[in-house]
Amino acid sequence: KPSWTIGVGITGFGIFFILFGILLYFDSVLLAFGNLLFLSGLSFIIGLRRTFSFFFQRHKLKGTSFFLGGVVIVLLRWPLLGMFLESYGFFSLFKGFFPMAFGFLGTTFDIPFLSALFRRLQGTSSMV
């Protein structure tokens, strides 16, 4: 299915524009463009129905409202406040994935200090 490869590319460009917008002192145009690319790329990767069902689960509504509210605030050219709200929403939405990601990084990279740090971070969070 070639749509997920397009989605990975669009999501990658979205992350690039978000990081570049932060690097250029919260440039609102780059951040808004990055947000739109990130969300549309995510929709290409997992599909519209699964994206909608992920964001609008009952226990994730708080994180979704902060994340999407931050996107709207960035689009209204208040980039610092918008990125703060987006960051809180992002960590609230994806907190269940962080222990798995830290465990993967700890086993993938065999660097002594980093492996111990990733194993420690993996053990402190719960999979809620």
N, C-alpha and C. Protein backbone atom coordinates (compact mmCIF):
# COMPACT_ATOMS: atom_id res chain seq x y z
N LYS A 1 0.84 -1.18 0.00
CA LYS A 1 0.00 0.00 0.00
C LYS A 1 0.89 1.24 0.00
N PRO A 2 0.91 2.01 -1.05
CA PRO A 2 1.83 3.14 -1.13
C PRO A 2 1.40 4.36 -0.32
N SER A 3 0.17 4.40 0.20
CA SER A 3 -0.27 5.61 0.91
C SER A 3 0.48 5.79 2.23
N TRP A 4 0.89 4.68 2.88
CA TRP A 4 1.61 4.86 4.14
C TRP A 4 3.01 5.42 3.91
N THR A 5 3.61 5.12 2.75
CA THR A 5 4.93 5.69 2.48
C THR A 5 4.83 7.20 2.23
N ILE A 6 3.76 7.61 1.56
CA ILE A 6 3.52 9.04 1.39
C ILE A 6 3.28 9.67 2.76
N GLY A 7 2.54 8.99 3.61
CA GLY A 7 2.26 9.50 4.96
C GLY A 7 3.52 9.66 5.80
N VAL A 8 4.43 8.71 5.68
CA VAL A 8 5.69 8.82 6.43
C VAL A 8 6.48 10.04 5.95
N GLY A 9 6.50 10.26 4.64
CA GLY A 9 7.20 11.42 4.10
C GLY A 9 6.56 12.72 4.55
N ILE A 10 5.24 12.80 4.49
CA ILE A 10 4.53 14.02 4.91
C ILE A 10 4.73 14.26 6.40
N THR A 11 4.65 13.21 7.22
CA THR A 11 4.87 13.35 8.66
C THR A 11 6.30 13.79 8.95
N GLY A 12 7.26 13.24 8.21
CA GLY A 12 8.65 13.65 8.39
C GLY A 12 8.86 15.12 8.06
N PHE A 13 8.25 15.57 6.97
CA PHE A 13 8.34 17.00 6.64
C PHE A 13 7.65 17.85 7.70
N GLY A 14 6.55 17.35 8.26
CA GLY A 14 5.86 18.08 9.32
C GLY A 14 6.73 18.24 10.55
N ILE A 15 7.39 17.17 10.95
CA ILE A 15 8.30 17.24 12.10
C ILE A 15 9.46 18.17 11.81
N PHE A 16 9.98 18.12 10.57
CA PHE A 16 11.06 19.02 10.18
C PHE A 16 10.64 20.48 10.29
N PHE A 17 9.45 20.81 9.76
CA PHE A 17 8.99 22.20 9.81
C PHE A 17 8.71 22.65 11.23
N ILE A 18 8.20 21.75 12.07
CA ILE A 18 7.98 22.12 13.47
C ILE A 18 9.31 22.41 14.16
N LEU A 19 10.30 21.53 13.98
CA LEU A 19 11.60 21.77 14.61
C LEU A 19 12.28 23.02 14.05
N PHE A 20 12.16 23.25 12.74
CA PHE A 20 12.74 24.43 12.12
C PHE A 20 12.03 25.70 12.60
N GLY A 21 10.71 25.62 12.80
CA GLY A 21 9.97 26.76 13.34
C GLY A 21 10.35 27.07 14.76
N ILE A 22 10.62 26.05 15.57
CA ILE A 22 11.09 26.27 16.94
C ILE A 22 12.49 26.86 16.92
N LEU A 23 13.33 26.35 16.03
CA LEU A 23 14.70 26.85 15.91
C LEU A 23 14.73 28.33 15.51
N LEU A 24 13.78 28.75 14.71
CA LEU A 24 13.71 30.15 14.27
C LEU A 24 12.81 30.97 15.20
N TYR A 25 12.93 30.71 16.50
CA TYR A 25 12.24 31.48 17.53
C TYR A 25 10.73 31.48 17.35
N PHE A 26 10.19 30.28 17.21
CA PHE A 26 8.74 30.06 17.15
C PHE A 26 8.09 30.85 16.02
N ASP A 27 8.59 30.61 14.82
CA ASP A 27 7.99 31.21 13.63
C ASP A 27 6.62 30.58 13.41
N SER A 28 5.59 31.40 13.45
CA SER A 28 4.22 30.87 13.44
C SER A 28 3.85 30.22 12.11
N VAL A 29 4.37 30.70 11.00
CA VAL A 29 4.03 30.13 9.71
C VAL A 29 4.62 28.73 9.57
N LEU A 30 5.89 28.57 9.95
CA LEU A 30 6.52 27.25 9.87
C LEU A 30 5.87 26.27 10.83
N LEU A 31 5.53 26.72 12.03
CA LEU A 31 4.88 25.83 13.00
C LEU A 31 3.49 25.40 12.51
N ALA A 32 2.74 26.34 11.97
CA ALA A 32 1.41 26.00 11.47
C ALA A 32 1.50 25.02 10.30
N PHE A 33 2.43 25.27 9.39
CA PHE A 33 2.61 24.37 8.25
C PHE A 33 3.06 22.99 8.73
N GLY A 34 3.96 22.95 9.69
CA GLY A 34 4.41 21.67 10.25
C GLY A 34 3.29 20.91 10.93
N ASN A 35 2.44 21.63 11.67
CA ASN A 35 1.30 20.97 12.33
C ASN A 35 0.35 20.36 11.31
N LEU A 36 0.04 21.12 10.27
CA LEU A 36 -0.88 20.60 9.26
C LEU A 36 -0.28 19.40 8.52
N LEU A 37 1.01 19.46 8.22
CA LEU A 37 1.65 18.32 7.56
C LEU A 37 1.69 17.10 8.48
N PHE A 38 1.99 17.31 9.77
CA PHE A 38 2.06 16.21 10.72
C PHE A 38 0.71 15.51 10.84
N LEU A 39 -0.35 16.27 11.00
CA LEU A 39 -1.68 15.67 11.15
C LEU A 39 -2.15 14.98 9.88
N SER A 40 -1.88 15.59 8.72
CA SER A 40 -2.30 14.94 7.48
C SER A 40 -1.45 13.70 7.20
N GLY A 41 -0.17 13.74 7.53
CA GLY A 41 0.68 12.55 7.36
C GLY A 41 0.24 11.41 8.25
N LEU A 42 -0.15 11.74 9.49
CA LEU A 42 -0.66 10.71 10.39
C LEU A 42 -1.93 10.08 9.84
N SER A 43 -2.77 10.89 9.22
CA SER A 43 -3.99 10.37 8.60
C SER A 43 -3.67 9.45 7.43
N PHE A 44 -2.63 9.78 6.66
CA PHE A 44 -2.23 8.90 5.56
C PHE A 44 -1.67 7.58 6.07
N ILE A 45 -0.94 7.63 7.19
CA ILE A 45 -0.30 6.41 7.70
C ILE A 45 -1.33 5.43 8.25
N ILE A 46 -2.19 5.89 9.13
CA ILE A 46 -3.10 4.94 9.79
C ILE A 46 -4.54 5.04 9.30
N GLY A 47 -4.84 6.00 8.45
CA GLY A 47 -6.19 6.13 7.90
C GLY A 47 -7.01 7.14 8.69
N LEU A 48 -7.99 7.70 8.01
CA LEU A 48 -8.83 8.73 8.64
C LEU A 48 -9.66 8.20 9.80
N ARG A 49 -10.26 7.03 9.62
CA ARG A 49 -11.11 6.47 10.67
C ARG A 49 -10.32 6.13 11.93
N ARG A 50 -9.15 5.52 11.76
CA ARG A 50 -8.33 5.17 12.93
C ARG A 50 -7.73 6.41 13.58
N THR A 51 -7.39 7.43 12.79
CA THR A 51 -6.89 8.68 13.36
C THR A 51 -7.98 9.33 14.20
N PHE A 52 -9.19 9.39 13.65
CA PHE A 52 -10.31 9.97 14.39
C PHE A 52 -10.59 9.19 15.66
N SER A 53 -10.60 7.86 15.57
CA SER A 53 -10.90 7.06 16.76
C SER A 53 -9.78 7.13 17.79
N PHE A 54 -8.52 7.35 17.36
CA PHE A 54 -7.43 7.50 18.31
C PHE A 54 -7.58 8.80 19.09
N PHE A 55 -7.82 9.89 18.39
CA PHE A 55 -7.87 11.19 19.05
C PHE A 55 -9.12 11.39 19.89
N PHE A 56 -10.22 10.75 19.52
CA PHE A 56 -11.48 11.02 20.20
C PHE A 56 -11.97 9.86 21.07
N GLN A 57 -11.03 9.12 21.66
CA GLN A 57 -11.41 8.15 22.69
C GLN A 57 -11.74 8.93 23.96
N ARG A 58 -12.62 8.37 24.76
CA ARG A 58 -13.11 9.09 25.95
C ARG A 58 -11.97 9.45 26.90
N HIS A 59 -11.06 8.54 27.14
CA HIS A 59 -9.99 8.81 28.10
C HIS A 59 -8.88 9.69 27.52
N LYS A 60 -8.93 10.00 26.23
CA LYS A 60 -7.91 10.85 25.61
C LYS A 60 -8.45 12.22 25.21
N LEU A 61 -9.67 12.55 25.60
CA LEU A 61 -10.27 13.82 25.18
C LEU A 61 -9.54 15.03 25.75
N LYS A 62 -9.01 14.92 26.95
CA LYS A 62 -8.27 16.04 27.54
C LYS A 62 -7.01 16.32 26.73
N GLY A 63 -6.24 15.29 26.42
CA GLY A 63 -5.04 15.46 25.62
C GLY A 63 -5.34 15.93 24.22
N THR A 64 -6.43 15.41 23.63
CA THR A 64 -6.83 15.83 22.29
C THR A 64 -7.22 17.29 22.27
N SER A 65 -7.96 17.73 23.28
CA SER A 65 -8.38 19.13 23.30
C SER A 65 -7.19 20.06 23.45
N PHE A 66 -6.21 19.69 24.27
CA PHE A 66 -5.02 20.52 24.40
C PHE A 66 -4.20 20.51 23.11
N PHE A 67 -4.04 19.33 22.49
CA PHE A 67 -3.24 19.23 21.28
C PHE A 67 -3.88 20.00 20.12
N LEU A 68 -5.14 19.72 19.84
CA LEU A 68 -5.81 20.39 18.73
C LEU A 68 -6.06 21.86 19.03
N GLY A 69 -6.31 22.20 20.30
CA GLY A 69 -6.42 23.60 20.68
C GLY A 69 -5.11 24.34 20.46
N GLY A 70 -3.99 23.68 20.75
CA GLY A 70 -2.69 24.28 20.48
C GLY A 70 -2.46 24.50 19.00
N VAL A 71 -2.91 23.56 18.18
CA VAL A 71 -2.79 23.72 16.73
C VAL A 71 -3.58 24.95 16.28
N VAL A 72 -4.78 25.10 16.79
CA VAL A 72 -5.61 26.26 16.43
C VAL A 72 -4.96 27.56 16.90
N ILE A 73 -4.41 27.56 18.10
CA ILE A 73 -3.75 28.76 18.64
C ILE A 73 -2.53 29.11 17.79
N VAL A 74 -1.78 28.12 17.33
CA VAL A 74 -0.64 28.38 16.45
C VAL A 74 -1.14 28.96 15.12
N LEU A 75 -2.24 28.41 14.60
CA LEU A 75 -2.80 28.93 13.35
C LEU A 75 -3.29 30.37 13.51
N LEU A 76 -3.67 30.76 14.73
CA LEU A 76 -4.09 32.13 15.01
C LEU A 76 -2.91 33.05 15.35
N ARG A 77 -1.70 32.54 15.13
CA ARG A 77 -0.45 33.29 15.29
C ARG A 77 -0.11 33.65 16.73
N TRP A 78 -0.34 32.72 17.65
CA TRP A 78 0.17 32.79 19.01
C TRP A 78 1.05 31.55 19.21
N PRO A 79 2.24 31.54 18.61
CA PRO A 79 3.01 30.29 18.54
C PRO A 79 3.53 29.79 19.89
N LEU A 80 3.95 30.64 20.77
CA LEU A 80 4.52 30.17 22.04
C LEU A 80 3.46 29.49 22.89
N LEU A 81 2.32 30.13 23.04
CA LEU A 81 1.22 29.54 23.81
C LEU A 81 0.71 28.27 23.13
N GLY A 82 0.58 28.32 21.81
CA GLY A 82 0.09 27.16 21.07
C GLY A 82 1.01 25.95 21.20
N MET A 83 2.32 26.17 21.10
CA MET A 83 3.26 25.05 21.22
C MET A 83 3.29 24.51 22.65
N PHE A 84 3.10 25.37 23.64
CA PHE A 84 3.02 24.90 25.02
C PHE A 84 1.80 23.99 25.20
N LEU A 85 0.65 24.43 24.68
CA LEU A 85 -0.56 23.61 24.78
C LEU A 85 -0.41 22.31 23.98
N GLU A 86 0.17 22.40 22.80
CA GLU A 86 0.39 21.21 21.98
C GLU A 86 1.31 20.21 22.68
N SER A 87 2.37 20.70 23.30
CA SER A 87 3.31 19.81 23.99
C SER A 87 2.63 19.06 25.12
N TYR A 88 1.84 19.78 25.91
CA TYR A 88 1.11 19.11 26.99
C TYR A 88 0.14 18.06 26.43
N GLY A 89 -0.59 18.43 25.38
CA GLY A 89 -1.51 17.49 24.76
C GLY A 89 -0.81 16.29 24.15
N PHE A 90 0.36 16.53 23.52
CA PHE A 90 1.12 15.44 22.91
C PHE A 90 1.57 14.44 23.97
N PHE A 91 2.13 14.94 25.08
CA PHE A 91 2.58 14.02 26.12
C PHE A 91 1.40 13.33 26.80
N SER A 92 0.28 14.00 26.89
CA SER A 92 -0.90 13.38 27.46
C SER A 92 -1.46 12.29 26.55
N LEU A 93 -1.43 12.53 25.25
CA LEU A 93 -1.96 11.54 24.29
C LEU A 93 -1.05 10.32 24.16
N PHE A 94 0.25 10.55 24.10
CA PHE A 94 1.18 9.48 23.77
C PHE A 94 1.97 8.95 24.96
N LYS A 95 1.51 9.22 26.19
CA LYS A 95 2.26 8.77 27.35
C LYS A 95 2.32 7.24 27.46
N GLY A 96 1.37 6.54 26.89
CA GLY A 96 1.41 5.09 26.91
C GLY A 96 2.46 4.49 25.99
N PHE A 97 2.92 5.27 24.99
CA PHE A 97 3.92 4.78 24.05
C PHE A 97 5.35 5.00 24.52
N PHE A 98 5.56 5.91 25.45
CA PHE A 98 6.92 6.25 25.85
C PHE A 98 7.68 5.09 26.50
N PRO A 99 7.09 4.30 27.41
CA PRO A 99 7.86 3.17 27.97
C PRO A 99 8.29 2.17 26.90
N MET A 100 7.42 1.91 25.93
CA MET A 100 7.77 0.98 24.86
C MET A 100 8.90 1.56 24.01
N ALA A 101 8.85 2.87 23.72
CA ALA A 101 9.89 3.50 22.92
C ALA A 101 11.22 3.51 23.66
N PHE A 102 11.20 3.79 24.97
CA PHE A 102 12.44 3.78 25.74
C PHE A 102 13.02 2.37 25.83
N GLY A 103 12.16 1.36 25.96
CA GLY A 103 12.64 -0.01 25.97
C GLY A 103 13.27 -0.40 24.65
N PHE A 104 12.67 0.02 23.55
CA PHE A 104 13.22 -0.25 22.23
C PHE A 104 14.57 0.43 22.05
N LEU A 105 14.67 1.70 22.46
CA LEU A 105 15.94 2.41 22.34
C LEU A 105 17.02 1.80 23.22
N GLY A 106 16.62 1.34 24.41
CA GLY A 106 17.59 0.72 25.31
C GLY A 106 18.15 -0.58 24.78
N THR A 107 17.34 -1.35 24.07
CA THR A 107 17.84 -2.61 23.53
C THR A 107 18.52 -2.44 22.18
N THR A 108 18.15 -1.40 21.45
CA THR A 108 18.73 -1.19 20.12
C THR A 108 20.14 -0.63 20.20
N PHE A 109 20.33 0.40 21.00
CA PHE A 109 21.64 1.04 21.12
C PHE A 109 22.36 0.47 22.32
N ASP A 110 23.52 -0.11 22.08
CA ASP A 110 24.26 -0.74 23.15
C ASP A 110 25.35 0.22 23.66
N ILE A 111 24.95 1.42 24.01
CA ILE A 111 25.86 2.40 24.61
C ILE A 111 25.62 2.33 26.11
N PRO A 112 26.65 2.07 26.91
CA PRO A 112 26.44 1.76 28.33
C PRO A 112 25.60 2.79 29.09
N PHE A 113 25.94 4.06 29.02
CA PHE A 113 25.19 5.06 29.78
C PHE A 113 23.77 5.22 29.27
N LEU A 114 23.61 5.28 27.94
CA LEU A 114 22.28 5.47 27.38
C LEU A 114 21.39 4.25 27.59
N SER A 115 21.95 3.06 27.50
CA SER A 115 21.15 1.85 27.72
C SER A 115 20.61 1.82 29.14
N ALA A 116 21.45 2.17 30.11
CA ALA A 116 20.99 2.21 31.50
C ALA A 116 19.93 3.29 31.71
N LEU A 117 20.11 4.44 31.06
CA LEU A 117 19.14 5.53 31.18
C LEU A 117 17.80 5.12 30.57
N PHE A 118 17.82 4.51 29.39
CA PHE A 118 16.58 4.10 28.74
C PHE A 118 15.88 3.00 29.53
N ARG A 119 16.65 2.08 30.12
CA ARG A 119 16.03 1.04 30.94
C ARG A 119 15.39 1.63 32.18
N ARG A 120 16.04 2.63 32.76
CA ARG A 120 15.47 3.29 33.93
C ARG A 120 14.19 4.05 33.57
N LEU A 121 14.20 4.74 32.42
CA LEU A 121 13.00 5.46 31.98
C LEU A 121 11.89 4.52 31.61
N GLN A 122 12.23 3.35 31.12
CA GLN A 122 11.21 2.38 30.76
C GLN A 122 10.51 1.87 32.01
N GLY A 123 11.24 1.69 33.08
CA GLY A 123 10.65 1.13 34.30
C GLY A 123 9.85 2.10 35.11
N THR A 124 10.02 3.43 34.91
CA THR A 124 9.32 4.39 35.76
C THR A 124 7.92 4.69 35.31
N SER A 125 7.59 4.49 34.06
CA SER A 125 6.26 4.85 33.55
C SER A 125 5.38 3.61 33.48
N SER A 126 4.09 3.86 33.55
CA SER A 126 3.13 2.76 33.43
C SER A 126 2.52 2.78 32.04
N MET A 127 1.98 1.66 31.63
CA MET A 127 1.39 1.53 30.28
C MET A 127 -0.10 1.86 30.32
N VAL A 128 -0.49 2.94 30.93
CA VAL A 128 -1.90 3.30 31.04
C VAL A 128 -2.37 4.03 29.83
